[in-house]
Amino acid sequence: MKLKIALVVTAFLISLTGVGVWVAQSDWLREKVLTAIVTQAEKTTGGAVKLKAFRLDWKTLIAEVDDFEIRGTEPANEAPLLTIDKIRVGLTIVSLVARDVRVAWVEATHPKAHLILLANGKTNIPQPKIRRQNKTAAETILDLKIGKYEVRNGEFLLAEKNLPLGSHRRETRSPNRL
């Protein structure tokens, strides 16, 4: 009797794992994650966000986004506030129970920022739809604790002047420290 119960529980756990793997690779989950990314980015930036594709390799925990775009308050005939051809993000699971996932590294390929300065001092940077908790944008970014980032072939267009942009940051923290 105990053997039968153990076999049923084992079969159930194997089936549950199989369903979990299938869902992790499904178009349904991919679409849900894509929608969540767009919704959260729009709340955080206040701009209109579009992206072409989202992929997550659950084996390597690498997420990729293609053709990311944020439109600010610029006119429709102007270039968007920000476009990025490809974003790759390496994730690290700290705790499954606590749902703690960290961003280990970020690569942005061919980002283009287009900042418009109007005569009245305003810009095309939109107001976020959610209030920050007395933190600057820089503090919010630093709170992500990204271990490494790299920007490749970037451009920054300011007052119709094109400035090349490229940067990278190597890990500066001790590898054993979170």
N, C-alpha and C. Protein backbone atom coordinates (compact mmCIF):
# COMPACT_ATOMS: atom_id res chain seq x y z
N MET A 1 0.82 -1.20 0.00
CA MET A 1 0.00 0.00 0.00
C MET A 1 0.86 1.26 0.00
N LYS A 2 1.92 1.27 0.86
CA LYS A 2 2.80 2.43 0.92
C LYS A 2 3.55 2.60 -0.39
N LEU A 3 3.90 1.50 -1.01
CA LEU A 3 4.61 1.55 -2.30
C LEU A 3 3.72 2.17 -3.37
N LYS A 4 2.44 1.80 -3.38
CA LYS A 4 1.50 2.35 -4.36
C LYS A 4 1.35 3.87 -4.17
N ILE A 5 1.26 4.31 -2.91
CA ILE A 5 1.12 5.75 -2.62
C ILE A 5 2.39 6.48 -3.08
N ALA A 6 3.54 5.90 -2.79
CA ALA A 6 4.80 6.52 -3.20
C ALA A 6 4.90 6.60 -4.72
N LEU A 7 4.46 5.57 -5.43
CA LEU A 7 4.48 5.58 -6.89
C LEU A 7 3.53 6.64 -7.45
N VAL A 8 2.35 6.76 -6.86
CA VAL A 8 1.38 7.75 -7.32
C VAL A 8 1.93 9.16 -7.09
N VAL A 9 2.49 9.41 -5.91
CA VAL A 9 3.06 10.73 -5.60
C VAL A 9 4.22 11.03 -6.55
N THR A 10 5.08 10.07 -6.80
CA THR A 10 6.21 10.26 -7.71
C THR A 10 5.71 10.54 -9.13
N ALA A 11 4.73 9.78 -9.59
CA ALA A 11 4.17 10.02 -10.93
C ALA A 11 3.54 11.41 -11.02
N PHE A 12 2.87 11.83 -9.95
CA PHE A 12 2.26 13.15 -9.92
C PHE A 12 3.33 14.24 -10.00
N LEU A 13 4.40 14.10 -9.24
CA LEU A 13 5.48 15.09 -9.24
C LEU A 13 6.18 15.15 -10.60
N ILE A 14 6.38 14.01 -11.23
CA ILE A 14 6.99 13.98 -12.56
C ILE A 14 6.07 14.66 -13.57
N SER A 15 4.78 14.37 -13.48
CA SER A 15 3.81 15.01 -14.38
C SER A 15 3.76 16.52 -14.17
N LEU A 16 3.78 16.94 -12.91
CA LEU A 16 3.76 18.36 -12.58
C LEU A 16 5.01 19.06 -13.13
N THR A 17 6.15 18.43 -13.02
CA THR A 17 7.39 18.98 -13.57
C THR A 17 7.30 19.10 -15.08
N GLY A 18 6.77 18.08 -15.73
CA GLY A 18 6.60 18.12 -17.19
C GLY A 18 5.68 19.24 -17.63
N VAL A 19 4.59 19.43 -16.91
CA VAL A 19 3.66 20.53 -17.23
C VAL A 19 4.36 21.86 -17.02
N GLY A 20 5.14 21.98 -15.95
CA GLY A 20 5.88 23.22 -15.68
C GLY A 20 6.86 23.56 -16.79
N VAL A 21 7.58 22.57 -17.27
CA VAL A 21 8.53 22.78 -18.37
C VAL A 21 7.78 23.16 -19.64
N TRP A 22 6.67 22.51 -19.92
CA TRP A 22 5.87 22.82 -21.11
C TRP A 22 5.34 24.25 -21.05
N VAL A 23 4.81 24.66 -19.88
CA VAL A 23 4.29 26.02 -19.72
C VAL A 23 5.42 27.04 -19.87
N ALA A 24 6.59 26.75 -19.30
CA ALA A 24 7.74 27.67 -19.38
C ALA A 24 8.15 27.93 -20.81
N GLN A 25 7.90 26.99 -21.71
CA GLN A 25 8.30 27.13 -23.10
C GLN A 25 7.13 27.53 -24.02
N SER A 26 5.97 27.75 -23.45
CA SER A 26 4.78 27.97 -24.28
C SER A 26 4.68 29.41 -24.78
N ASP A 27 3.97 29.56 -25.90
CA ASP A 27 3.68 30.89 -26.44
C ASP A 27 2.78 31.66 -25.49
N TRP A 28 1.91 30.98 -24.78
CA TRP A 28 1.02 31.61 -23.83
C TRP A 28 1.82 32.36 -22.76
N LEU A 29 2.80 31.69 -22.15
CA LEU A 29 3.62 32.33 -21.12
C LEU A 29 4.45 33.46 -21.72
N ARG A 30 5.00 33.23 -22.90
CA ARG A 30 5.80 34.26 -23.58
C ARG A 30 4.97 35.52 -23.79
N GLU A 31 3.72 35.35 -24.22
CA GLU A 31 2.83 36.50 -24.44
C GLU A 31 2.49 37.20 -23.12
N LYS A 32 2.27 36.42 -22.07
CA LYS A 32 1.98 37.01 -20.75
C LYS A 32 3.17 37.83 -20.25
N VAL A 33 4.38 37.30 -20.41
CA VAL A 33 5.58 38.01 -19.96
C VAL A 33 5.80 39.26 -20.80
N LEU A 34 5.60 39.17 -22.10
CA LEU A 34 5.75 40.32 -22.99
C LEU A 34 4.78 41.43 -22.59
N THR A 35 3.53 41.08 -22.32
CA THR A 35 2.54 42.06 -21.89
C THR A 35 2.94 42.68 -20.55
N ALA A 36 3.45 41.88 -19.63
CA ALA A 36 3.88 42.39 -18.32
C ALA A 36 5.06 43.35 -18.46
N ILE A 37 5.99 43.04 -19.35
CA ILE A 37 7.14 43.92 -19.57
C ILE A 37 6.67 45.27 -20.10
N VAL A 38 5.81 45.26 -21.10
CA VAL A 38 5.30 46.50 -21.70
C VAL A 38 4.54 47.30 -20.66
N THR A 39 3.64 46.67 -19.91
CA THR A 39 2.83 47.35 -18.91
C THR A 39 3.70 47.99 -17.84
N GLN A 40 4.67 47.25 -17.31
CA GLN A 40 5.53 47.78 -16.26
C GLN A 40 6.43 48.89 -16.78
N ALA A 41 6.96 48.73 -18.00
CA ALA A 41 7.81 49.77 -18.58
C ALA A 41 7.02 51.05 -18.82
N GLU A 42 5.76 50.93 -19.24
CA GLU A 42 4.93 52.12 -19.45
C GLU A 42 4.61 52.82 -18.13
N LYS A 43 4.33 52.05 -17.08
CA LYS A 43 4.08 52.65 -15.76
C LYS A 43 5.32 53.36 -15.25
N THR A 44 6.47 52.72 -15.40
CA THR A 44 7.72 53.26 -14.86
C THR A 44 8.20 54.48 -15.62
N THR A 45 8.10 54.46 -16.95
CA THR A 45 8.64 55.56 -17.75
C THR A 45 7.60 56.62 -18.07
N GLY A 46 6.33 56.26 -18.14
CA GLY A 46 5.30 57.19 -18.54
C GLY A 46 5.15 57.29 -20.05
N GLY A 47 6.01 56.60 -20.79
CA GLY A 47 5.96 56.62 -22.25
C GLY A 47 5.18 55.46 -22.81
N ALA A 48 5.00 55.48 -24.12
CA ALA A 48 4.36 54.37 -24.82
C ALA A 48 5.45 53.39 -25.22
N VAL A 49 5.32 52.14 -24.82
CA VAL A 49 6.36 51.14 -25.03
C VAL A 49 5.90 50.09 -26.02
N LYS A 50 6.80 49.73 -26.93
CA LYS A 50 6.55 48.64 -27.88
C LYS A 50 7.79 47.76 -27.90
N LEU A 51 7.59 46.51 -28.18
CA LEU A 51 8.71 45.61 -28.45
C LEU A 51 8.23 44.53 -29.39
N LYS A 52 9.17 44.07 -30.20
CA LYS A 52 8.81 43.11 -31.25
C LYS A 52 8.73 41.68 -30.73
N ALA A 53 9.74 41.28 -29.96
CA ALA A 53 9.78 39.88 -29.54
C ALA A 53 10.43 39.75 -28.17
N PHE A 54 10.02 38.71 -27.45
CA PHE A 54 10.61 38.37 -26.16
C PHE A 54 10.90 36.87 -26.16
N ARG A 55 12.08 36.53 -25.71
CA ARG A 55 12.45 35.12 -25.59
C ARG A 55 13.10 34.90 -24.22
N LEU A 56 12.84 33.76 -23.64
CA LEU A 56 13.49 33.37 -22.39
C LEU A 56 13.96 31.94 -22.52
N ASP A 57 15.25 31.77 -22.37
CA ASP A 57 15.80 30.42 -22.34
C ASP A 57 15.86 30.02 -20.87
N TRP A 58 14.92 29.21 -20.46
CA TRP A 58 14.82 28.85 -19.05
C TRP A 58 15.98 27.97 -18.58
N LYS A 59 16.69 27.34 -19.51
CA LYS A 59 17.84 26.51 -19.13
C LYS A 59 19.03 27.38 -18.73
N THR A 60 19.27 28.46 -19.49
CA THR A 60 20.41 29.35 -19.21
C THR A 60 20.00 30.61 -18.46
N LEU A 61 18.69 30.83 -18.30
CA LEU A 61 18.14 32.02 -17.66
C LEU A 61 18.61 33.31 -18.34
N ILE A 62 18.54 33.29 -19.68
CA ILE A 62 18.86 34.47 -20.47
C ILE A 62 17.59 34.91 -21.18
N ALA A 63 17.23 36.18 -20.96
CA ALA A 63 16.06 36.77 -21.61
C ALA A 63 16.55 37.71 -22.70
N GLU A 64 15.82 37.74 -23.82
CA GLU A 64 16.16 38.63 -24.92
C GLU A 64 14.92 39.37 -25.38
N VAL A 65 15.10 40.66 -25.68
CA VAL A 65 14.03 41.50 -26.21
C VAL A 65 14.54 42.12 -27.49
N ASP A 66 13.73 42.09 -28.55
CA ASP A 66 14.08 42.70 -29.83
C ASP A 66 13.24 43.94 -30.07
N ASP A 67 13.88 44.94 -30.66
CA ASP A 67 13.21 46.17 -31.10
C ASP A 67 12.38 46.82 -30.00
N PHE A 68 13.05 47.18 -28.92
CA PHE A 68 12.43 47.87 -27.79
C PHE A 68 12.33 49.35 -28.11
N GLU A 69 11.16 49.96 -27.86
CA GLU A 69 10.95 51.38 -28.17
C GLU A 69 10.15 52.05 -27.08
N ILE A 70 10.60 53.25 -26.67
CA ILE A 70 9.84 54.09 -25.75
C ILE A 70 9.58 55.42 -26.46
N ARG A 71 8.31 55.75 -26.60
CA ARG A 71 7.92 57.04 -27.17
C ARG A 71 7.59 57.96 -26.01
N GLY A 72 8.20 59.12 -26.03
CA GLY A 72 7.92 60.13 -25.01
C GLY A 72 6.87 61.09 -25.51
N THR A 73 7.09 62.37 -25.27
CA THR A 73 6.12 63.39 -25.67
C THR A 73 6.46 64.01 -27.03
N GLU A 74 7.42 63.41 -27.74
CA GLU A 74 7.80 63.94 -29.05
C GLU A 74 6.67 63.74 -30.06
N PRO A 75 6.62 64.60 -31.07
CA PRO A 75 5.60 64.43 -32.11
C PRO A 75 5.79 63.10 -32.85
N ALA A 76 4.73 62.59 -33.44
CA ALA A 76 4.76 61.29 -34.12
C ALA A 76 5.76 61.25 -35.27
N ASN A 77 6.04 62.41 -35.88
CA ASN A 77 6.98 62.42 -37.01
C ASN A 77 8.44 62.49 -36.57
N GLU A 78 8.71 62.58 -35.26
CA GLU A 78 10.07 62.60 -34.71
C GLU A 78 10.48 61.18 -34.30
N ALA A 79 11.78 60.98 -34.20
CA ALA A 79 12.30 59.69 -33.72
C ALA A 79 11.85 59.49 -32.27
N PRO A 80 11.64 58.23 -31.84
CA PRO A 80 11.24 57.95 -30.46
C PRO A 80 12.31 58.39 -29.46
N LEU A 81 11.90 58.56 -28.23
CA LEU A 81 12.81 58.91 -27.14
C LEU A 81 13.94 57.89 -27.03
N LEU A 82 13.60 56.59 -27.11
CA LEU A 82 14.61 55.54 -26.98
C LEU A 82 14.22 54.33 -27.82
N THR A 83 15.19 53.84 -28.58
CA THR A 83 15.02 52.54 -29.25
C THR A 83 16.27 51.72 -28.96
N ILE A 84 16.08 50.43 -28.82
CA ILE A 84 17.20 49.51 -28.60
C ILE A 84 16.94 48.30 -29.49
N ASP A 85 17.90 47.99 -30.37
CA ASP A 85 17.72 46.87 -31.29
C ASP A 85 17.58 45.55 -30.55
N LYS A 86 18.46 45.30 -29.56
CA LYS A 86 18.40 44.03 -28.84
C LYS A 86 18.87 44.25 -27.40
N ILE A 87 18.13 43.67 -26.48
CA ILE A 87 18.50 43.67 -25.06
C ILE A 87 18.61 42.22 -24.62
N ARG A 88 19.75 41.88 -24.02
CA ARG A 88 19.94 40.54 -23.43
C ARG A 88 20.15 40.73 -21.94
N VAL A 89 19.46 39.90 -21.14
CA VAL A 89 19.54 39.99 -19.69
C VAL A 89 19.83 38.61 -19.13
N GLY A 90 20.87 38.52 -18.33
CA GLY A 90 21.18 37.28 -17.63
C GLY A 90 20.57 37.33 -16.24
N LEU A 91 19.82 36.33 -15.89
CA LEU A 91 19.13 36.29 -14.59
C LEU A 91 19.77 35.26 -13.67
N THR A 92 19.66 35.52 -12.37
CA THR A 92 20.13 34.58 -11.36
C THR A 92 19.00 34.36 -10.38
N ILE A 93 18.65 33.11 -10.14
CA ILE A 93 17.61 32.79 -9.15
C ILE A 93 18.28 32.69 -7.79
N VAL A 94 17.88 33.59 -6.89
CA VAL A 94 18.43 33.59 -5.53
C VAL A 94 17.61 32.65 -4.66
N SER A 95 16.27 32.73 -4.81
CA SER A 95 15.38 31.87 -4.02
C SER A 95 14.08 31.64 -4.78
N LEU A 96 13.76 30.38 -5.03
CA LEU A 96 12.48 30.06 -5.66
C LEU A 96 11.32 30.31 -4.70
N VAL A 97 11.52 29.99 -3.45
CA VAL A 97 10.47 30.14 -2.45
C VAL A 97 10.09 31.62 -2.29
N ALA A 98 11.10 32.49 -2.19
CA ALA A 98 10.84 33.92 -2.00
C ALA A 98 10.64 34.66 -3.32
N ARG A 99 10.69 33.93 -4.44
CA ARG A 99 10.57 34.52 -5.78
C ARG A 99 11.58 35.64 -5.98
N ASP A 100 12.80 35.40 -5.55
CA ASP A 100 13.87 36.40 -5.64
C ASP A 100 14.75 36.08 -6.83
N VAL A 101 14.60 36.88 -7.89
CA VAL A 101 15.40 36.73 -9.11
C VAL A 101 16.15 38.03 -9.31
N ARG A 102 17.46 37.94 -9.55
CA ARG A 102 18.29 39.12 -9.72
C ARG A 102 18.78 39.23 -11.15
N VAL A 103 19.07 40.44 -11.55
CA VAL A 103 19.66 40.71 -12.86
C VAL A 103 21.17 40.63 -12.70
N ALA A 104 21.78 39.62 -13.33
CA ALA A 104 23.23 39.44 -13.22
C ALA A 104 23.98 40.34 -14.20
N TRP A 105 23.43 40.47 -15.41
CA TRP A 105 24.08 41.32 -16.41
C TRP A 105 23.06 41.76 -17.46
N VAL A 106 23.38 42.86 -18.13
CA VAL A 106 22.52 43.40 -19.18
C VAL A 106 23.41 43.84 -20.34
N GLU A 107 23.01 43.49 -21.56
CA GLU A 107 23.68 43.96 -22.78
C GLU A 107 22.63 44.66 -23.64
N ALA A 108 22.95 45.87 -24.07
CA ALA A 108 22.06 46.62 -24.96
C ALA A 108 22.81 46.88 -26.26
N THR A 109 22.27 46.40 -27.37
CA THR A 109 22.91 46.56 -28.67
C THR A 109 22.18 47.63 -29.47
N HIS A 110 22.93 48.60 -29.90
CA HIS A 110 22.48 49.72 -30.72
C HIS A 110 21.30 50.49 -30.12
N PRO A 111 21.50 51.01 -28.89
CA PRO A 111 20.47 51.89 -28.34
C PRO A 111 20.59 53.28 -28.97
N LYS A 112 19.45 53.90 -29.21
CA LYS A 112 19.42 55.27 -29.74
C LYS A 112 18.51 56.09 -28.84
N ALA A 113 19.10 57.09 -28.19
CA ALA A 113 18.32 58.01 -27.37
C ALA A 113 18.16 59.31 -28.15
N HIS A 114 16.97 59.84 -28.16
CA HIS A 114 16.67 61.06 -28.91
C HIS A 114 16.01 62.05 -27.96
N LEU A 115 16.80 63.01 -27.46
CA LEU A 115 16.30 63.99 -26.51
C LEU A 115 16.02 65.30 -27.23
N ILE A 116 14.81 65.78 -27.09
CA ILE A 116 14.40 67.04 -27.70
C ILE A 116 14.34 68.11 -26.60
N LEU A 117 14.99 69.23 -26.84
CA LEU A 117 14.94 70.35 -25.91
C LEU A 117 14.13 71.47 -26.55
N LEU A 118 13.03 71.84 -25.92
CA LEU A 118 12.19 72.91 -26.45
C LEU A 118 12.63 74.26 -25.88
N ALA A 119 12.24 75.32 -26.54
CA ALA A 119 12.62 76.67 -26.13
C ALA A 119 12.14 77.00 -24.71
N ASN A 120 11.02 76.41 -24.29
CA ASN A 120 10.49 76.68 -22.95
C ASN A 120 11.15 75.83 -21.86
N GLY A 121 12.18 75.06 -22.23
CA GLY A 121 12.91 74.26 -21.25
C GLY A 121 12.37 72.85 -21.07
N LYS A 122 11.27 72.54 -21.70
CA LYS A 122 10.71 71.19 -21.59
C LYS A 122 11.43 70.24 -22.53
N THR A 123 11.29 68.96 -22.25
CA THR A 123 11.90 67.91 -23.08
C THR A 123 10.82 66.92 -23.50
N ASN A 124 11.23 65.90 -24.25
CA ASN A 124 10.31 64.84 -24.64
C ASN A 124 10.30 63.68 -23.65
N ILE A 125 10.87 63.90 -22.47
CA ILE A 125 10.87 62.85 -21.45
C ILE A 125 9.52 62.87 -20.73
N PRO A 126 8.77 61.75 -20.77
CA PRO A 126 7.44 61.72 -20.14
C PRO A 126 7.54 61.59 -18.63
N GLN A 127 6.44 61.86 -17.96
CA GLN A 127 6.36 61.69 -16.50
C GLN A 127 5.93 60.25 -16.20
N PRO A 128 6.62 59.58 -15.28
CA PRO A 128 6.21 58.22 -14.92
C PRO A 128 4.78 58.20 -14.37
N LYS A 129 4.08 57.08 -14.62
CA LYS A 129 2.70 56.93 -14.16
C LYS A 129 2.63 56.46 -12.71
N ILE A 130 3.76 56.01 -12.18
CA ILE A 130 3.82 55.61 -10.77
C ILE A 130 4.80 56.53 -10.06
N ARG A 131 4.50 56.83 -8.83
CA ARG A 131 5.37 57.71 -8.06
C ARG A 131 6.57 56.94 -7.53
N ARG A 132 7.72 57.56 -7.66
CA ARG A 132 8.92 56.97 -7.07
C ARG A 132 8.91 57.25 -5.59
N GLN A 133 9.53 56.39 -4.83
CA GLN A 133 9.55 56.54 -3.39
C GLN A 133 10.73 57.40 -2.97
N ASN A 134 10.66 58.70 -3.31
CA ASN A 134 11.71 59.66 -2.97
C ASN A 134 13.09 59.21 -3.45
N LYS A 135 13.13 58.56 -4.61
CA LYS A 135 14.39 58.11 -5.19
C LYS A 135 14.55 58.74 -6.56
N THR A 136 15.78 59.03 -6.89
CA THR A 136 16.06 59.51 -8.24
C THR A 136 16.08 58.32 -9.18
N ALA A 137 16.08 58.60 -10.49
CA ALA A 137 16.16 57.52 -11.48
C ALA A 137 17.46 56.75 -11.30
N ALA A 138 18.55 57.44 -11.02
CA ALA A 138 19.85 56.77 -10.82
C ALA A 138 19.80 55.83 -9.62
N GLU A 139 19.17 56.26 -8.53
CA GLU A 139 19.07 55.41 -7.34
C GLU A 139 18.23 54.16 -7.64
N THR A 140 17.17 54.33 -8.40
CA THR A 140 16.32 53.19 -8.77
C THR A 140 17.11 52.19 -9.60
N ILE A 141 17.89 52.68 -10.55
CA ILE A 141 18.72 51.80 -11.38
C ILE A 141 19.77 51.09 -10.53
N LEU A 142 20.41 51.82 -9.60
CA LEU A 142 21.41 51.20 -8.74
C LEU A 142 20.81 50.15 -7.83
N ASP A 143 19.55 50.32 -7.44
CA ASP A 143 18.87 49.33 -6.59
C ASP A 143 18.72 47.98 -7.28
N LEU A 144 18.78 47.95 -8.61
CA LEU A 144 18.68 46.69 -9.34
C LEU A 144 19.90 45.80 -9.10
N LYS A 145 21.00 46.40 -8.66
CA LYS A 145 22.24 45.66 -8.36
C LYS A 145 22.69 44.82 -9.54
N ILE A 146 22.73 45.44 -10.70
CA ILE A 146 23.19 44.75 -11.90
C ILE A 146 24.70 44.56 -11.78
N GLY A 147 25.15 43.32 -11.91
CA GLY A 147 26.56 43.01 -11.76
C GLY A 147 27.42 43.55 -12.89
N LYS A 148 26.90 43.53 -14.11
CA LYS A 148 27.67 43.94 -15.28
C LYS A 148 26.71 44.46 -16.33
N TYR A 149 27.08 45.53 -17.02
CA TYR A 149 26.27 45.99 -18.14
C TYR A 149 27.17 46.39 -19.28
N GLU A 150 26.62 46.36 -20.48
CA GLU A 150 27.37 46.74 -21.66
C GLU A 150 26.42 47.38 -22.66
N VAL A 151 26.86 48.51 -23.22
CA VAL A 151 26.12 49.22 -24.25
C VAL A 151 26.99 49.19 -25.49
N ARG A 152 26.45 48.66 -26.60
CA ARG A 152 27.22 48.53 -27.84
C ARG A 152 26.62 49.41 -28.93
N ASN A 153 27.48 50.18 -29.60
CA ASN A 153 27.09 50.98 -30.77
C ASN A 153 25.91 51.89 -30.50
N GLY A 154 25.94 52.57 -29.38
CA GLY A 154 24.84 53.45 -29.03
C GLY A 154 24.96 54.83 -29.66
N GLU A 155 23.83 55.51 -29.72
CA GLU A 155 23.78 56.88 -30.24
C GLU A 155 22.93 57.72 -29.31
N PHE A 156 23.35 58.97 -29.12
CA PHE A 156 22.59 59.91 -28.32
C PHE A 156 22.38 61.15 -29.17
N LEU A 157 21.15 61.41 -29.56
CA LEU A 157 20.83 62.54 -30.40
C LEU A 157 20.28 63.65 -29.50
N LEU A 158 21.04 64.75 -29.42
CA LEU A 158 20.67 65.87 -28.56
C LEU A 158 20.66 67.14 -29.41
N ALA A 159 19.51 67.77 -29.48
CA ALA A 159 19.37 69.01 -30.25
C ALA A 159 19.93 68.83 -31.66
N GLU A 160 19.56 67.71 -32.27
CA GLU A 160 19.94 67.37 -33.65
C GLU A 160 21.43 67.13 -33.83
N LYS A 161 22.19 66.92 -32.74
CA LYS A 161 23.60 66.55 -32.84
C LYS A 161 23.74 65.11 -32.41
N ASN A 162 24.35 64.30 -33.27
CA ASN A 162 24.49 62.87 -33.01
C ASN A 162 25.79 62.62 -32.26
N LEU A 163 25.70 62.04 -31.05
CA LEU A 163 26.87 61.74 -30.24
C LEU A 163 26.98 60.23 -30.07
N PRO A 164 28.13 59.62 -30.44
CA PRO A 164 28.27 58.17 -30.24
C PRO A 164 28.26 57.83 -28.75
N LEU A 165 27.73 56.66 -28.45
CA LEU A 165 27.61 56.25 -27.05
C LEU A 165 27.97 54.78 -26.94
N GLY A 166 28.84 54.46 -26.01
CA GLY A 166 29.20 53.07 -25.75
C GLY A 166 29.79 53.00 -24.36
N SER A 167 29.44 51.99 -23.61
CA SER A 167 29.98 51.86 -22.27
C SER A 167 29.89 50.41 -21.83
N HIS A 168 30.64 50.11 -20.80
CA HIS A 168 30.50 48.82 -20.15
C HIS A 168 30.98 48.96 -18.72
N ARG A 169 30.49 48.13 -17.88
CA ARG A 169 30.87 48.12 -16.48
C ARG A 169 31.21 46.69 -16.12
N ARG A 170 32.35 46.50 -15.61
CA ARG A 170 32.75 45.17 -15.17
C ARG A 170 32.37 44.99 -13.71
N GLU A 171 32.26 43.76 -13.29
CA GLU A 171 31.95 43.42 -11.90
C GLU A 171 33.01 44.03 -10.99
N THR A 172 32.55 44.81 -10.01
CA THR A 172 33.48 45.43 -9.08
C THR A 172 33.32 44.87 -7.67
N ARG A 173 32.25 44.15 -7.45
CA ARG A 173 32.01 43.57 -6.13
C ARG A 173 32.70 42.23 -6.03
N SER A 174 32.94 41.83 -4.82
CA SER A 174 33.49 40.49 -4.59
C SER A 174 32.50 39.47 -5.11
N PRO A 175 32.94 38.43 -5.85
CA PRO A 175 32.00 37.45 -6.39
C PRO A 175 31.20 36.71 -5.33
N ASN A 176 31.68 36.69 -4.09
CA ASN A 176 30.97 35.98 -3.04
C ASN A 176 29.95 36.85 -2.33
N ARG A 177 29.94 38.14 -2.65
CA ARG A 177 29.01 39.06 -2.00
C ARG A 177 27.81 39.33 -2.89
N LEU A 178 26.64 39.41 -2.30
CA LEU A 178 25.42 39.72 -3.07
C LEU A 178 25.21 41.20 -3.10
